[in-house]
Protein backbone atom coordinates (compact mmCIF):
# COMPACT_ATOMS: atom_id res chain seq x y z
CA UNK A 1 0.00 0.00 0.00
CA UNK A 2 1.32 3.41 -0.94
CA UNK A 3 1.19 6.18 1.57
CA UNK A 4 0.21 9.57 0.35
CA UNK A 5 1.22 12.69 2.17
CA UNK A 6 -1.55 14.56 3.87
CA UNK A 7 -1.93 18.12 2.64
CA UNK A 8 -0.67 20.82 4.95
CA UNK A 9 -3.62 23.10 5.50
CA UNK A 10 -3.45 26.76 6.24
CA UNK A 11 -6.15 29.30 6.79
CA UNK A 12 -9.80 28.56 7.32
CA UNK A 13 -11.22 25.09 7.67
CA UNK A 14 -8.40 23.68 9.74
CA UNK A 15 -7.76 23.71 13.46
CA UNK A 16 -5.66 26.73 14.27
CA UNK A 17 -6.41 28.42 10.98
CA UNK A 18 -8.18 31.67 10.40
CA UNK A 19 -7.25 35.06 11.71
CA UNK A 20 -3.87 35.47 13.26
CA UNK A 21 -3.63 36.69 16.83
CA UNK A 22 -3.20 40.45 17.14
CA UNK A 23 -2.68 40.54 20.87
CA UNK A 24 -5.98 42.40 21.31
CA UNK A 25 -8.81 40.50 22.91
CA UNK A 26 -12.38 41.47 22.13
CA UNK A 27 -15.62 40.71 23.91
CA UNK A 28 -19.16 41.52 22.98
CA UNK A 29 -22.35 42.21 24.87
CA UNK A 30 -25.91 43.10 24.00
CA UNK A 31 -28.16 45.93 25.08
CA UNK A 32 -31.92 45.62 25.48
CA UNK A 33 -34.09 48.62 24.71
CA UNK A 34 -37.37 49.74 23.22
CA UNK A 35 -37.54 50.21 19.41
CA UNK A 36 -37.89 53.98 19.88
CA UNK A 37 -34.79 54.05 22.06
CA UNK A 38 -32.84 52.14 19.45
CA UNK A 39 -33.84 54.62 16.75
CA UNK A 40 -32.73 57.53 18.96
CA UNK A 41 -29.45 55.78 19.70
CA UNK A 42 -28.85 55.23 15.99
CA UNK A 43 -29.47 58.94 15.35
CA UNK A 44 -27.01 59.97 18.04
CA UNK A 45 -24.40 57.50 16.80
CA UNK A 46 -24.76 58.74 13.21
CA UNK A 47 -24.33 62.37 14.33
CA UNK A 48 -21.21 61.45 16.29
CA UNK A 49 -19.53 59.76 13.33
CA UNK A 50 -18.48 56.89 15.57
CA UNK A 51 -19.38 53.23 15.63
CA UNK A 52 -22.10 52.20 18.07
CA UNK A 53 -19.52 50.42 20.21
CA UNK A 54 -17.19 53.41 20.35
CA UNK A 55 -20.07 55.80 21.06
CA UNK A 56 -21.35 53.73 23.99
CA UNK A 57 -17.87 53.14 25.43
CA UNK A 58 -16.96 56.82 25.19
CA UNK A 59 -20.22 57.74 26.88
CA UNK A 60 -19.79 55.15 29.63
CA UNK A 61 -16.20 56.16 30.37
CA UNK A 62 -16.58 59.92 30.07
CA UNK A 63 -15.26 61.82 33.09
CA UNK A 64 -18.78 62.95 34.03
CA UNK A 65 -19.95 59.36 34.45
CA UNK A 66 -17.03 57.94 36.40
CA UNK A 67 -17.40 57.41 40.11
CA UNK A 68 -14.42 57.64 42.41
C-alpha atoms as a PDB file:
ATOM      1  CA  UNK A   1       0.000   0.000   0.000  1.00  0.00           C
ATOM      2  CA  UNK A   2       1.320   3.411  -0.937  1.00  0.00           C
ATOM      3  CA  UNK A   3       1.186   6.177   1.568  1.00  0.00           C
ATOM      4  CA  UNK A   4       0.205   9.568   0.346  1.00  0.00           C
ATOM      5  CA  UNK A   5       1.215  12.693   2.170  1.00  0.00           C
ATOM      6  CA  UNK A   6      -1.550  14.561   3.874  1.00  0.00           C
ATOM      7  CA  UNK A   7      -1.929  18.117   2.636  1.00  0.00           C
ATOM      8  CA  UNK A   8      -0.673  20.824   4.948  1.00  0.00           C
ATOM      9  CA  UNK A   9      -3.623  23.101   5.495  1.00  0.00           C
ATOM     10  CA  UNK A  10      -3.447  26.764   6.237  1.00  0.00           C
ATOM     11  CA  UNK A  11      -6.149  29.301   6.790  1.00  0.00           C
ATOM     12  CA  UNK A  12      -9.803  28.563   7.321  1.00  0.00           C
ATOM     13  CA  UNK A  13     -11.223  25.090   7.669  1.00  0.00           C
ATOM     14  CA  UNK A  14      -8.399  23.682   9.736  1.00  0.00           C
ATOM     15  CA  UNK A  15      -7.758  23.711  13.465  1.00  0.00           C
ATOM     16  CA  UNK A  16      -5.662  26.734  14.271  1.00  0.00           C
ATOM     17  CA  UNK A  17      -6.408  28.419  10.979  1.00  0.00           C
ATOM     18  CA  UNK A  18      -8.181  31.671  10.404  1.00  0.00           C
ATOM     19  CA  UNK A  19      -7.248  35.061  11.715  1.00  0.00           C
ATOM     20  CA  UNK A  20      -3.867  35.466  13.257  1.00  0.00           C
ATOM     21  CA  UNK A  21      -3.625  36.692  16.829  1.00  0.00           C
ATOM     22  CA  UNK A  22      -3.198  40.446  17.137  1.00  0.00           C
ATOM     23  CA  UNK A  23      -2.678  40.538  20.874  1.00  0.00           C
ATOM     24  CA  UNK A  24      -5.985  42.397  21.306  1.00  0.00           C
ATOM     25  CA  UNK A  25      -8.811  40.503  22.908  1.00  0.00           C
ATOM     26  CA  UNK A  26     -12.378  41.471  22.135  1.00  0.00           C
ATOM     27  CA  UNK A  27     -15.620  40.706  23.912  1.00  0.00           C
ATOM     28  CA  UNK A  28     -19.165  41.522  22.975  1.00  0.00           C
ATOM     29  CA  UNK A  29     -22.350  42.208  24.872  1.00  0.00           C
ATOM     30  CA  UNK A  30     -25.906  43.101  24.005  1.00  0.00           C
ATOM     31  CA  UNK A  31     -28.164  45.927  25.078  1.00  0.00           C
ATOM     32  CA  UNK A  32     -31.921  45.616  25.482  1.00  0.00           C
ATOM     33  CA  UNK A  33     -34.094  48.615  24.709  1.00  0.00           C
ATOM     34  CA  UNK A  34     -37.374  49.741  23.217  1.00  0.00           C
ATOM     35  CA  UNK A  35     -37.537  50.214  19.414  1.00  0.00           C
ATOM     36  CA  UNK A  36     -37.893  53.979  19.880  1.00  0.00           C
ATOM     37  CA  UNK A  37     -34.789  54.050  22.062  1.00  0.00           C
ATOM     38  CA  UNK A  38     -32.839  52.136  19.446  1.00  0.00           C
ATOM     39  CA  UNK A  39     -33.836  54.622  16.753  1.00  0.00           C
ATOM     40  CA  UNK A  40     -32.734  57.526  18.959  1.00  0.00           C
ATOM     41  CA  UNK A  41     -29.449  55.775  19.701  1.00  0.00           C
ATOM     42  CA  UNK A  42     -28.846  55.227  15.987  1.00  0.00           C
ATOM     43  CA  UNK A  43     -29.467  58.937  15.348  1.00  0.00           C
ATOM     44  CA  UNK A  44     -27.005  59.970  18.043  1.00  0.00           C
ATOM     45  CA  UNK A  45     -24.399  57.501  16.804  1.00  0.00           C
ATOM     46  CA  UNK A  46     -24.757  58.740  13.215  1.00  0.00           C
ATOM     47  CA  UNK A  47     -24.326  62.368  14.328  1.00  0.00           C
ATOM     48  CA  UNK A  48     -21.213  61.454  16.292  1.00  0.00           C
ATOM     49  CA  UNK A  49     -19.531  59.761  13.328  1.00  0.00           C
ATOM     50  CA  UNK A  50     -18.483  56.887  15.571  1.00  0.00           C
ATOM     51  CA  UNK A  51     -19.384  53.227  15.634  1.00  0.00           C
ATOM     52  CA  UNK A  52     -22.096  52.198  18.065  1.00  0.00           C
ATOM     53  CA  UNK A  53     -19.522  50.417  20.211  1.00  0.00           C
ATOM     54  CA  UNK A  54     -17.186  53.408  20.351  1.00  0.00           C
ATOM     55  CA  UNK A  55     -20.066  55.804  21.058  1.00  0.00           C
ATOM     56  CA  UNK A  56     -21.350  53.735  23.992  1.00  0.00           C
ATOM     57  CA  UNK A  57     -17.874  53.136  25.429  1.00  0.00           C
ATOM     58  CA  UNK A  58     -16.958  56.819  25.194  1.00  0.00           C
ATOM     59  CA  UNK A  59     -20.222  57.738  26.885  1.00  0.00           C
ATOM     60  CA  UNK A  60     -19.790  55.149  29.635  1.00  0.00           C
ATOM     61  CA  UNK A  61     -16.199  56.155  30.374  1.00  0.00           C
ATOM     62  CA  UNK A  62     -16.579  59.916  30.069  1.00  0.00           C
ATOM     63  CA  UNK A  63     -15.265  61.815  33.094  1.00  0.00           C
ATOM     64  CA  UNK A  64     -18.785  62.954  34.027  1.00  0.00           C
ATOM     65  CA  UNK A  65     -19.953  59.360  34.453  1.00  0.00           C
ATOM     66  CA  UNK A  66     -17.027  57.940  36.398  1.00  0.00           C
ATOM     67  CA  UNK A  67     -17.401  57.412  40.112  1.00  0.00           C
ATOM     68  CA  UNK A  68     -14.422  57.643  42.412  1.00  0.00           C
END
